[in-house]
Amino acid sequence: MVKITKEEVLKIARMSYIDIHEDEIEPMVKQLQDVLSYAQRVKEVAHDVAVPSNRRMNVFREDVVIKTNPEPIRSRAPQREGNYFVVPAIIEK
């Protein structure tokens, strides 16, 4: 079982800039011990579980070209020149 001390709780509170009152310390010790015990148990159980590796798997899809009519999109542009959208310049020369 994981043990946490009153001093460790006070140190964590101090490092986190949390004001903790004397009557809150013991319940906090118990809660932190419960959380750490649960995490330890999960770690033990998860140790036996095989995690599939995606390292050698190709996760990219094949590019497929689909012929579409661009005019519906172009017609919605606020400003355009020929087949290009006109946008404000963001880089000055």
PDB file of N, CA and C in Angstrom:
ATOM      1  N   MET A   1       0.838  -1.187   0.000  1.00  0.00           N
ATOM      2  CA  MET A   1       0.000   0.000   0.000  1.00  0.00           C
ATOM      3  C   MET A   1       0.881   1.247   0.000  1.00  0.00           C
ATOM      4  N   VAL A   2       0.429   2.254  -0.705  1.00  0.00           N
ATOM      5  CA  VAL A   2       1.167   3.500  -0.803  1.00  0.00           C
ATOM      6  C   VAL A   2       0.946   4.317   0.461  1.00  0.00           C
ATOM      7  N   LYS A   3       2.034   4.839   0.989  1.00  0.00           N
ATOM      8  CA  LYS A   3       1.947   5.667   2.200  1.00  0.00           C
ATOM      9  C   LYS A   3       2.312   7.097   1.854  1.00  0.00           C
ATOM     10  N   ILE A   4       1.529   8.019   2.319  1.00  0.00           N
ATOM     11  CA  ILE A   4       1.832   9.433   2.164  1.00  0.00           C
ATOM     12  C   ILE A   4       1.741  10.067   3.548  1.00  0.00           C
ATOM     13  N   THR A   5       2.640  10.959   3.822  1.00  0.00           N
ATOM     14  CA  THR A   5       2.714  11.552   5.163  1.00  0.00           C
ATOM     15  C   THR A   5       2.081  12.938   5.185  1.00  0.00           C
ATOM     16  N   LYS A   6       1.851  13.403   6.392  1.00  0.00           N
ATOM     17  CA  LYS A   6       1.320  14.747   6.614  1.00  0.00           C
ATOM     18  C   LYS A   6       2.289  15.782   6.031  1.00  0.00           C
ATOM     19  N   GLU A   7       3.578  15.543   6.200  1.00  0.00           N
ATOM     20  CA  GLU A   7       4.587  16.468   5.698  1.00  0.00           C
ATOM     21  C   GLU A   7       4.545  16.548   4.163  1.00  0.00           C
ATOM     22  N   GLU A   8       4.314  15.410   3.517  1.00  0.00           N
ATOM     23  CA  GLU A   8       4.223  15.410   2.053  1.00  0.00           C
ATOM     24  C   GLU A   8       3.004  16.182   1.573  1.00  0.00           C
ATOM     25  N   VAL A   9       1.893  16.048   2.291  1.00  0.00           N
ATOM     26  CA  VAL A   9       0.687  16.804   1.936  1.00  0.00           C
ATOM     27  C   VAL A   9       0.947  18.295   2.081  1.00  0.00           C
ATOM     28  N   LEU A  10       1.601  18.683   3.160  1.00  0.00           N
ATOM     29  CA  LEU A  10       1.916  20.099   3.379  1.00  0.00           C
ATOM     30  C   LEU A  10       2.881  20.610   2.301  1.00  0.00           C
ATOM     31  N   LYS A  11       3.836  19.786   1.900  1.00  0.00           N
ATOM     32  CA  LYS A  11       4.782  20.184   0.863  1.00  0.00           C
ATOM     33  C   LYS A  11       4.068  20.367  -0.478  1.00  0.00           C
ATOM     34  N   ILE A  12       3.186  19.431  -0.803  1.00  0.00           N
ATOM     35  CA  ILE A  12       2.417  19.531  -2.048  1.00  0.00           C
ATOM     36  C   ILE A  12       1.559  20.792  -2.034  1.00  0.00           C
ATOM     37  N   ALA A  13       0.914  21.066  -0.923  1.00  0.00           N
ATOM     38  CA  ALA A  13       0.076  22.259  -0.796  1.00  0.00           C
ATOM     39  C   ALA A  13       0.917  23.522  -0.947  1.00  0.00           C
ATOM     40  N   ARG A  14       2.083  23.528  -0.330  1.00  0.00           N
ATOM     41  CA  ARG A  14       2.968  24.698  -0.410  1.00  0.00           C
ATOM     42  C   ARG A  14       3.457  24.902  -1.843  1.00  0.00           C
ATOM     43  N   MET A  15       3.855  23.837  -2.516  1.00  0.00           N
ATOM     44  CA  MET A  15       4.338  23.933  -3.895  1.00  0.00           C
ATOM     45  C   MET A  15       3.222  24.359  -4.855  1.00  0.00           C
ATOM     46  N   SER A  16       1.986  24.021  -4.522  1.00  0.00           N
ATOM     47  CA  SER A  16       0.844  24.341  -5.374  1.00  0.00           C
ATOM     48  C   SER A  16       0.188  25.660  -4.990  1.00  0.00           C
ATOM     49  N   TYR A  17       0.764  26.333  -4.010  1.00  0.00           N
ATOM     50  CA  TYR A  17       0.203  27.594  -3.507  1.00  0.00           C
ATOM     51  C   TYR A  17      -1.242  27.420  -3.055  1.00  0.00           C
ATOM     52  N   ILE A  18      -1.499  26.333  -2.331  1.00  0.00           N
ATOM     53  CA  ILE A  18      -2.829  26.046  -1.805  1.00  0.00           C
ATOM     54  C   ILE A  18      -2.784  26.215  -0.292  1.00  0.00           C
ATOM     55  N   ASP A  19      -3.710  27.021   0.233  1.00  0.00           N
ATOM     56  CA  ASP A  19      -3.829  27.154   1.684  1.00  0.00           C
ATOM     57  C   ASP A  19      -4.615  25.965   2.202  1.00  0.00           C
ATOM     58  N   ILE A  20      -4.032  25.255   3.133  1.00  0.00           N
ATOM     59  CA  ILE A  20      -4.697  24.089   3.709  1.00  0.00           C
ATOM     60  C   ILE A  20      -4.732  24.260   5.221  1.00  0.00           C
ATOM     61  N   HIS A  21      -5.898  24.066   5.788  1.00  0.00           N
ATOM     62  CA  HIS A  21      -6.070  24.226   7.227  1.00  0.00           C
ATOM     63  C   HIS A  21      -5.730  22.922   7.941  1.00  0.00           C
ATOM     64  N   GLU A  22      -5.390  23.032   9.185  1.00  0.00           N
ATOM     65  CA  GLU A  22      -4.971  21.879   9.987  1.00  0.00           C
ATOM     66  C   GLU A  22      -6.009  20.761   9.968  1.00  0.00           C
ATOM     67  N   ASP A  23      -7.290  21.103  10.033  1.00  0.00           N
ATOM     68  CA  ASP A  23      -8.346  20.080  10.066  1.00  0.00           C
ATOM     69  C   ASP A  23      -8.568  19.417   8.699  1.00  0.00           C
ATOM     70  N   GLU A  24      -7.946  19.938   7.640  1.00  0.00           N
ATOM     71  CA  GLU A  24      -8.091  19.356   6.311  1.00  0.00           C
ATOM     72  C   GLU A  24      -6.962  18.389   5.966  1.00  0.00           C
ATOM     73  N   ILE A  25      -5.917  18.378   6.780  1.00  0.00           N
ATOM     74  CA  ILE A  25      -4.729  17.592   6.435  1.00  0.00           C
ATOM     75  C   ILE A  25      -4.990  16.089   6.481  1.00  0.00           C
ATOM     76  N   GLU A  26      -5.530  15.600   7.571  1.00  0.00           N
ATOM     77  CA  GLU A  26      -5.741  14.143   7.716  1.00  0.00           C
ATOM     78  C   GLU A  26      -6.695  13.586   6.649  1.00  0.00           C
ATOM     79  N   PRO A  27      -7.832  14.247   6.376  1.00  0.00           N
ATOM     80  CA  PRO A  27      -8.671  13.734   5.283  1.00  0.00           C
ATOM     81  C   PRO A  27      -7.944  13.760   3.936  1.00  0.00           C
ATOM     82  N   MET A  28      -7.102  14.767   3.730  1.00  0.00           N
ATOM     83  CA  MET A  28      -6.348  14.858   2.480  1.00  0.00           C
ATOM     84  C   MET A  28      -5.337  13.716   2.377  1.00  0.00           C
ATOM     85  N   VAL A  29      -4.696  13.369   3.491  1.00  0.00           N
ATOM     86  CA  VAL A  29      -3.756  12.242   3.510  1.00  0.00           C
ATOM     87  C   VAL A  29      -4.493  10.970   3.085  1.00  0.00           C
ATOM     88  N   LYS A  30      -5.679  10.749   3.653  1.00  0.00           N
ATOM     89  CA  LYS A  30      -6.463   9.555   3.333  1.00  0.00           C
ATOM     90  C   LYS A  30      -6.862   9.548   1.861  1.00  0.00           C
ATOM     91  N   GLN A  31      -7.325  10.699   1.353  1.00  0.00           N
ATOM     92  CA  GLN A  31      -7.751  10.767  -0.047  1.00  0.00           C
ATOM     93  C   GLN A  31      -6.581  10.520  -0.998  1.00  0.00           C
ATOM     94  N   LEU A  32      -5.446  11.113  -0.709  1.00  0.00           N
ATOM     95  CA  LEU A  32      -4.275  10.910  -1.560  1.00  0.00           C
ATOM     96  C   LEU A  32      -3.788   9.467  -1.508  1.00  0.00           C
ATOM     97  N   GLN A  33      -3.841   8.844  -0.325  1.00  0.00           N
ATOM     98  CA  GLN A  33      -3.462   7.429  -0.230  1.00  0.00           C
ATOM     99  C   GLN A  33      -4.403   6.565  -1.055  1.00  0.00           C
ATOM    100  N   ASP A  34      -5.703   6.884  -1.015  1.00  0.00           N
ATOM    101  CA  ASP A  34      -6.676   6.123  -1.809  1.00  0.00           C
ATOM    102  C   ASP A  34      -6.399   6.267  -3.306  1.00  0.00           C
ATOM    103  N   VAL A  35      -6.125   7.495  -3.746  1.00  0.00           N
ATOM    104  CA  VAL A  35      -5.852   7.740  -5.169  1.00  0.00           C
ATOM    105  C   VAL A  35      -4.585   7.004  -5.598  1.00  0.00           C
ATOM    106  N   LEU A  36      -3.534   7.113  -4.795  1.00  0.00           N
ATOM    107  CA  LEU A  36      -2.275   6.461  -5.148  1.00  0.00           C
ATOM    108  C   LEU A  36      -2.390   4.939  -5.110  1.00  0.00           C
ATOM    109  N   SER A  37      -3.172   4.416  -4.175  1.00  0.00           N
ATOM    110  CA  SER A  37      -3.399   2.967  -4.124  1.00  0.00           C
ATOM    111  C   SER A  37      -4.159   2.503  -5.359  1.00  0.00           C
ATOM    112  N   TYR A  38      -5.146   3.275  -5.766  1.00  0.00           N
ATOM    113  CA  TYR A  38      -5.908   2.938  -6.968  1.00  0.00           C
ATOM    114  C   TYR A  38      -4.999   2.971  -8.194  1.00  0.00           C
ATOM    115  N   ALA A  39      -4.163   3.998  -8.296  1.00  0.00           N
ATOM    116  CA  ALA A  39      -3.241   4.107  -9.428  1.00  0.00           C
ATOM    117  C   ALA A  39      -2.271   2.931  -9.453  1.00  0.00           C
ATOM    118  N   GLN A  40      -1.810   2.516  -8.284  1.00  0.00           N
ATOM    119  CA  GLN A  40      -0.911   1.367  -8.202  1.00  0.00           C
ATOM    120  C   GLN A  40      -1.611   0.102  -8.667  1.00  0.00           C
ATOM    121  N   ARG A  41      -2.871  -0.057  -8.284  1.00  0.00           N
ATOM    122  CA  ARG A  41      -3.637  -1.239  -8.687  1.00  0.00           C
ATOM    123  C   ARG A  41      -3.859  -1.251 -10.207  1.00  0.00           C
ATOM    124  N   VAL A  42      -4.187  -0.081 -10.764  1.00  0.00           N
ATOM    125  CA  VAL A  42      -4.371   0.022 -12.216  1.00  0.00           C
ATOM    126  C   VAL A  42      -3.072  -0.331 -12.925  1.00  0.00           C
ATOM    127  N   LYS A  43      -1.969   0.148 -12.391  1.00  0.00           N
ATOM    128  CA  LYS A  43      -0.666  -0.148 -12.985  1.00  0.00           C
ATOM    129  C   LYS A  43      -0.387  -1.651 -12.977  1.00  0.00           C
ATOM    130  N   GLU A  44      -0.729  -2.312 -11.889  1.00  0.00           N
ATOM    131  CA  GLU A  44      -0.512  -3.760 -11.799  1.00  0.00           C
ATOM    132  C   GLU A  44      -1.381  -4.513 -12.801  1.00  0.00           C
ATOM    133  N   VAL A  45      -2.632  -4.108 -12.924  1.00  0.00           N
ATOM    134  CA  VAL A  45      -3.546  -4.774 -13.843  1.00  0.00           C
ATOM    135  C   VAL A  45      -3.140  -4.488 -15.287  1.00  0.00           C
ATOM    136  N   ALA A  46      -2.782  -3.235 -15.571  1.00  0.00           N
ATOM    137  CA  ALA A  46      -2.423  -2.848 -16.935  1.00  0.00           C
ATOM    138  C   ALA A  46      -1.114  -3.483 -17.378  1.00  0.00           C
ATOM    139  N   HIS A  47      -0.302  -3.895 -16.434  1.00  0.00           N
ATOM    140  CA  HIS A  47       0.972  -4.522 -16.765  1.00  0.00           C
ATOM    141  C   HIS A  47       0.753  -5.800 -17.577  1.00  0.00           C
ATOM    142  N   ASP A  48      -0.346  -6.495 -17.327  1.00  0.00           N
ATOM    143  CA  ASP A  48      -0.636  -7.751 -18.006  1.00  0.00           C
ATOM    144  C   ASP A  48      -1.341  -7.557 -19.348  1.00  0.00           C
ATOM    145  N   VAL A  49      -1.757  -6.345 -19.658  1.00  0.00           N
ATOM    146  CA  VAL A  49      -2.506  -6.082 -20.881  1.00  0.00           C
ATOM    147  C   VAL A  49      -1.526  -5.744 -22.000  1.00  0.00           C
ATOM    148  N   ALA A  50      -1.686  -6.426 -23.111  1.00  0.00           N
ATOM    149  CA  ALA A  50      -0.829  -6.164 -24.269  1.00  0.00           C
ATOM    150  C   ALA A  50      -1.387  -4.971 -25.034  1.00  0.00           C
ATOM    151  N   VAL A  51      -0.553  -3.994 -25.258  1.00  0.00           N
ATOM    152  CA  VAL A  51      -0.958  -2.805 -26.005  1.00  0.00           C
ATOM    153  C   VAL A  51      -0.465  -2.953 -27.439  1.00  0.00           C
ATOM    154  N   PRO A  52      -1.381  -2.862 -28.408  1.00  0.00           N
ATOM    155  CA  PRO A  52      -0.937  -3.003 -29.796  1.00  0.00           C
ATOM    156  C   PRO A  52      -0.056  -1.823 -30.196  1.00  0.00           C
ATOM    157  N   SER A  53       0.966  -2.118 -30.944  1.00  0.00           N
ATOM    158  CA  SER A  53       1.887  -1.080 -31.386  1.00  0.00           C
ATOM    159  C   SER A  53       1.479  -0.587 -32.761  1.00  0.00           C
ATOM    160  N   ASN A  54       1.433   0.729 -32.908  1.00  0.00           N
ATOM    161  CA  ASN A  54       1.104   1.326 -34.205  1.00  0.00           C
ATOM    162  C   ASN A  54       2.359   1.737 -34.959  1.00  0.00           C
ATOM    163  N   ARG A  55       3.500   1.358 -34.482  1.00  0.00           N
ATOM    164  CA  ARG A  55       4.751   1.805 -35.070  1.00  0.00           C
ATOM    165  C   ARG A  55       4.926   1.373 -36.510  1.00  0.00           C
ATOM    166  N   ARG A  56       4.548   0.175 -36.816  1.00  0.00           N
ATOM    167  CA  ARG A  56       4.797  -0.351 -38.159  1.00  0.00           C
ATOM    168  C   ARG A  56       3.546  -0.283 -39.039  1.00  0.00           C
ATOM    169  N   MET A  57       2.548   0.432 -38.585  1.00  0.00           N
ATOM    170  CA  MET A  57       1.300   0.506 -39.315  1.00  0.00           C
ATOM    171  C   MET A  57       1.240   1.823 -40.094  1.00  0.00           C
ATOM    172  N   ASN A  58       0.838   1.752 -41.337  1.00  0.00           N
ATOM    173  CA  ASN A  58       0.677   2.950 -42.138  1.00  0.00           C
ATOM    174  C   ASN A  58      -0.684   3.552 -41.816  1.00  0.00           C
ATOM    175  N   VAL A  59      -0.678   4.701 -41.165  1.00  0.00           N
ATOM    176  CA  VAL A  59      -1.937   5.317 -40.759  1.00  0.00           C
ATOM    177  C   VAL A  59      -2.422   6.349 -41.768  1.00  0.00           C
ATOM    178  N   PHE A  60      -1.652   6.580 -42.812  1.00  0.00           N
ATOM    179  CA  PHE A  60      -2.041   7.541 -43.825  1.00  0.00           C
ATOM    180  C   PHE A  60      -2.936   6.874 -44.859  1.00  0.00           C
ATOM    181  N   ARG A  61      -3.923   7.611 -45.300  1.00  0.00           N
ATOM    182  CA  ARG A  61      -4.799   7.075 -46.327  1.00  0.00           C
ATOM    183  C   ARG A  61      -4.208   7.393 -47.693  1.00  0.00           C
ATOM    184  N   GLU A  62      -4.614   6.662 -48.671  1.00  0.00           N
ATOM    185  CA  GLU A  62      -4.170   6.913 -50.028  1.00  0.00           C
ATOM    186  C   GLU A  62      -4.898   8.148 -50.548  1.00  0.00           C
ATOM    187  N   ASP A  63      -4.183   9.040 -51.210  1.00  0.00           N
ATOM    188  CA  ASP A  63      -4.803  10.219 -51.794  1.00  0.00           C
ATOM    189  C   ASP A  63      -5.608   9.818 -53.008  1.00  0.00           C
ATOM    190  N   VAL A  64      -6.831  10.303 -53.046  1.00  0.00           N
ATOM    191  CA  VAL A  64      -7.709  10.010 -54.163  1.00  0.00           C
ATOM    192  C   VAL A  64      -8.167  11.349 -54.739  1.00  0.00           C
ATOM    193  N   VAL A  65      -7.966  11.534 -56.020  1.00  0.00           N
ATOM    194  CA  VAL A  65      -8.383  12.766 -56.692  1.00  0.00           C
ATOM    195  C   VAL A  65      -9.820  12.592 -57.153  1.00  0.00           C
ATOM    196  N   ILE A  66     -10.671  13.537 -56.737  1.00  0.00           N
ATOM    197  CA  ILE A  66     -12.074  13.506 -57.140  1.00  0.00           C
ATOM    198  C   ILE A  66     -12.354  14.775 -57.926  1.00  0.00           C
ATOM    199  N   LYS A  67     -12.785  14.623 -59.143  1.00  0.00           N
ATOM    200  CA  LYS A  67     -13.067  15.765 -60.005  1.00  0.00           C
ATOM    201  C   LYS A  67     -14.329  16.455 -59.498  1.00  0.00           C
ATOM    202  N   THR A  68     -14.211  17.751 -59.195  1.00  0.00           N
ATOM    203  CA  THR A  68     -15.360  18.528 -58.734  1.00  0.00           C
ATOM    204  C   THR A  68     -15.397  19.857 -59.471  1.00  0.00           C
ATOM    205  N   ASN A  69     -16.537  20.480 -59.411  1.00  0.00           N
ATOM    206  CA  ASN A  69     -16.710  21.793 -60.024  1.00  0.00           C
ATOM    207  C   ASN A  69     -16.356  22.849 -58.959  1.00  0.00           C
ATOM    208  N   PRO A  70     -15.299  23.647 -59.159  1.00  0.00           N
ATOM    209  CA  PRO A  70     -14.885  24.616 -58.155  1.00  0.00           C
ATOM    210  C   PRO A  70     -15.721  25.897 -58.165  1.00  0.00           C
ATOM    211  N   GLU A  71     -16.544  26.096 -59.149  1.00  0.00           N
ATOM    212  CA  GLU A  71     -17.275  27.359 -59.281  1.00  0.00           C
ATOM    213  C   GLU A  71     -18.204  27.675 -58.105  1.00  0.00           C
ATOM    214  N   PRO A  72     -18.905  26.707 -57.507  1.00  0.00           N
ATOM    215  CA  PRO A  72     -19.754  27.050 -56.353  1.00  0.00           C
ATOM    216  C   PRO A  72     -18.942  27.652 -55.191  1.00  0.00           C
ATOM    217  N   ILE A  73     -17.743  27.180 -55.002  1.00  0.00           N
ATOM    218  CA  ILE A  73     -16.893  27.720 -53.930  1.00  0.00           C
ATOM    219  C   ILE A  73     -16.347  29.083 -54.345  1.00  0.00           C
ATOM    220  N   ARG A  74     -15.883  29.190 -55.563  1.00  0.00           N
ATOM    221  CA  ARG A  74     -15.349  30.468 -56.050  1.00  0.00           C
ATOM    222  C   ARG A  74     -16.392  31.577 -56.010  1.00  0.00           C
ATOM    223  N   SER A  75     -17.633  31.232 -56.308  1.00  0.00           N
ATOM    224  CA  SER A  75     -18.684  32.250 -56.360  1.00  0.00           C
ATOM    225  C   SER A  75     -18.976  32.844 -54.984  1.00  0.00           C
ATOM    226  N   ARG A  76     -18.596  32.156 -53.929  1.00  0.00           N
ATOM    227  CA  ARG A  76     -18.837  32.645 -52.564  1.00  0.00           C
ATOM    228  C   ARG A  76     -17.701  33.524 -52.049  1.00  0.00           C
ATOM    229  N   ALA A  77     -16.621  33.628 -52.803  1.00  0.00           N
ATOM    230  CA  ALA A  77     -15.475  34.429 -52.364  1.00  0.00           C
ATOM    231  C   ALA A  77     -15.845  35.906 -52.379  1.00  0.00           C
ATOM    232  N   PRO A  78     -15.472  36.659 -51.341  1.00  0.00           N
ATOM    233  CA  PRO A  78     -15.781  38.080 -51.324  1.00  0.00           C
ATOM    234  C   PRO A  78     -15.070  38.843 -52.439  1.00  0.00           C
ATOM    235  N   GLN A  79     -13.867  38.393 -52.786  1.00  0.00           N
ATOM    236  CA  GLN A  79     -13.095  39.045 -53.828  1.00  0.00           C
ATOM    237  C   GLN A  79     -12.266  37.996 -54.542  1.00  0.00           C
ATOM    238  N   ARG A  80     -12.194  38.120 -55.858  1.00  0.00           N
ATOM    239  CA  ARG A  80     -11.355  37.170 -56.589  1.00  0.00           C
ATOM    240  C   ARG A  80     -10.872  37.789 -57.879  1.00  0.00           C
ATOM    241  N   GLU A  81      -9.762  37.229 -58.350  1.00  0.00           N
ATOM    242  CA  GLU A  81      -9.195  37.611 -59.638  1.00  0.00           C
ATOM    243  C   GLU A  81      -9.011  36.330 -60.438  1.00  0.00           C
ATOM    244  N   GLY A  82      -9.826  36.167 -61.435  1.00  0.00           N
ATOM    245  CA  GLY A  82      -9.762  34.944 -62.234  1.00  0.00           C
ATOM    246  C   GLY A  82     -10.103  33.734 -61.387  1.00  0.00           C
ATOM    247  N   ASN A  83      -9.185  32.791 -61.308  1.00  0.00           N
ATOM    248  CA  ASN A  83      -9.405  31.571 -60.518  1.00  0.00           C
ATOM    249  C   ASN A  83      -8.823  31.661 -59.110  1.00  0.00           C
ATOM    250  N   TYR A  84      -8.425  32.857 -58.668  1.00  0.00           N
ATOM    251  CA  TYR A  84      -7.750  33.007 -57.379  1.00  0.00           C
ATOM    252  C   TYR A  84      -8.563  33.863 -56.419  1.00  0.00           C
ATOM    253  N   PHE A  85      -8.461  33.547 -55.138  1.00  0.00           N
ATOM    254  CA  PHE A  85      -9.063  34.369 -54.095  1.00  0.00           C
ATOM    255  C   PHE A  85      -8.139  35.538 -53.802  1.00  0.00           C
ATOM    256  N   VAL A  86      -8.703  36.691 -53.536  1.00  0.00           N
ATOM    257  CA  VAL A  86      -7.924  37.854 -53.139  1.00  0.00           C
ATOM    258  C   VAL A  86      -8.068  37.994 -51.632  1.00  0.00           C
ATOM    259  N   VAL A  87      -6.925  38.030 -50.952  1.00  0.00           N
ATOM    260  CA  VAL A  87      -6.924  38.149 -49.491  1.00  0.00           C
ATOM    261  C   VAL A  87      -6.011  39.303 -49.089  1.00  0.00           C
ATOM    262  N   PRO A  88      -6.212  39.840 -47.864  1.00  0.00           N
ATOM    263  CA  PRO A  88      -5.336  40.931 -47.425  1.00  0.00           C
ATOM    264  C   PRO A  88      -3.905  40.433 -47.261  1.00  0.00           C
ATOM    265  N   ALA A  89      -2.947  41.319 -47.566  1.00  0.00           N
ATOM    266  CA  ALA A  89      -1.534  40.970 -47.409  1.00  0.00           C
ATOM    267  C   ALA A  89      -1.200  40.892 -45.916  1.00  0.00           C
ATOM    268  N   ILE A  90      -0.442  39.871 -45.540  1.00  0.00           N
ATOM    269  CA  ILE A  90      -0.026  39.752 -44.136  1.00  0.00           C
ATOM    270  C   ILE A  90       1.473  39.955 -43.969  1.00  0.00           C
ATOM    271  N   ILE A  91       2.196  39.928 -45.065  1.00  0.00           N
ATOM    272  CA  ILE A  91       3.635  40.131 -45.016  1.00  0.00           C
ATOM    273  C   ILE A  91       3.953  41.350 -45.879  1.00  0.00           C
ATOM    274  N   GLU A  92       4.625  42.298 -45.305  1.00  0.00           N
ATOM    275  CA  GLU A  92       4.983  43.485 -46.062  1.00  0.00           C
ATOM    276  C   GLU A  92       6.383  43.343 -46.613  1.00  0.00           C
ATOM    277  N   LYS A  93       6.633  43.965 -47.754  1.00  0.00           N
ATOM    278  CA  LYS A  93       7.943  43.854 -48.397  1.00  0.00           C
ATOM    279  C   LYS A  93       8.962  44.721 -47.705  1.00  0.00           C
TER     280      LYS A  93
END
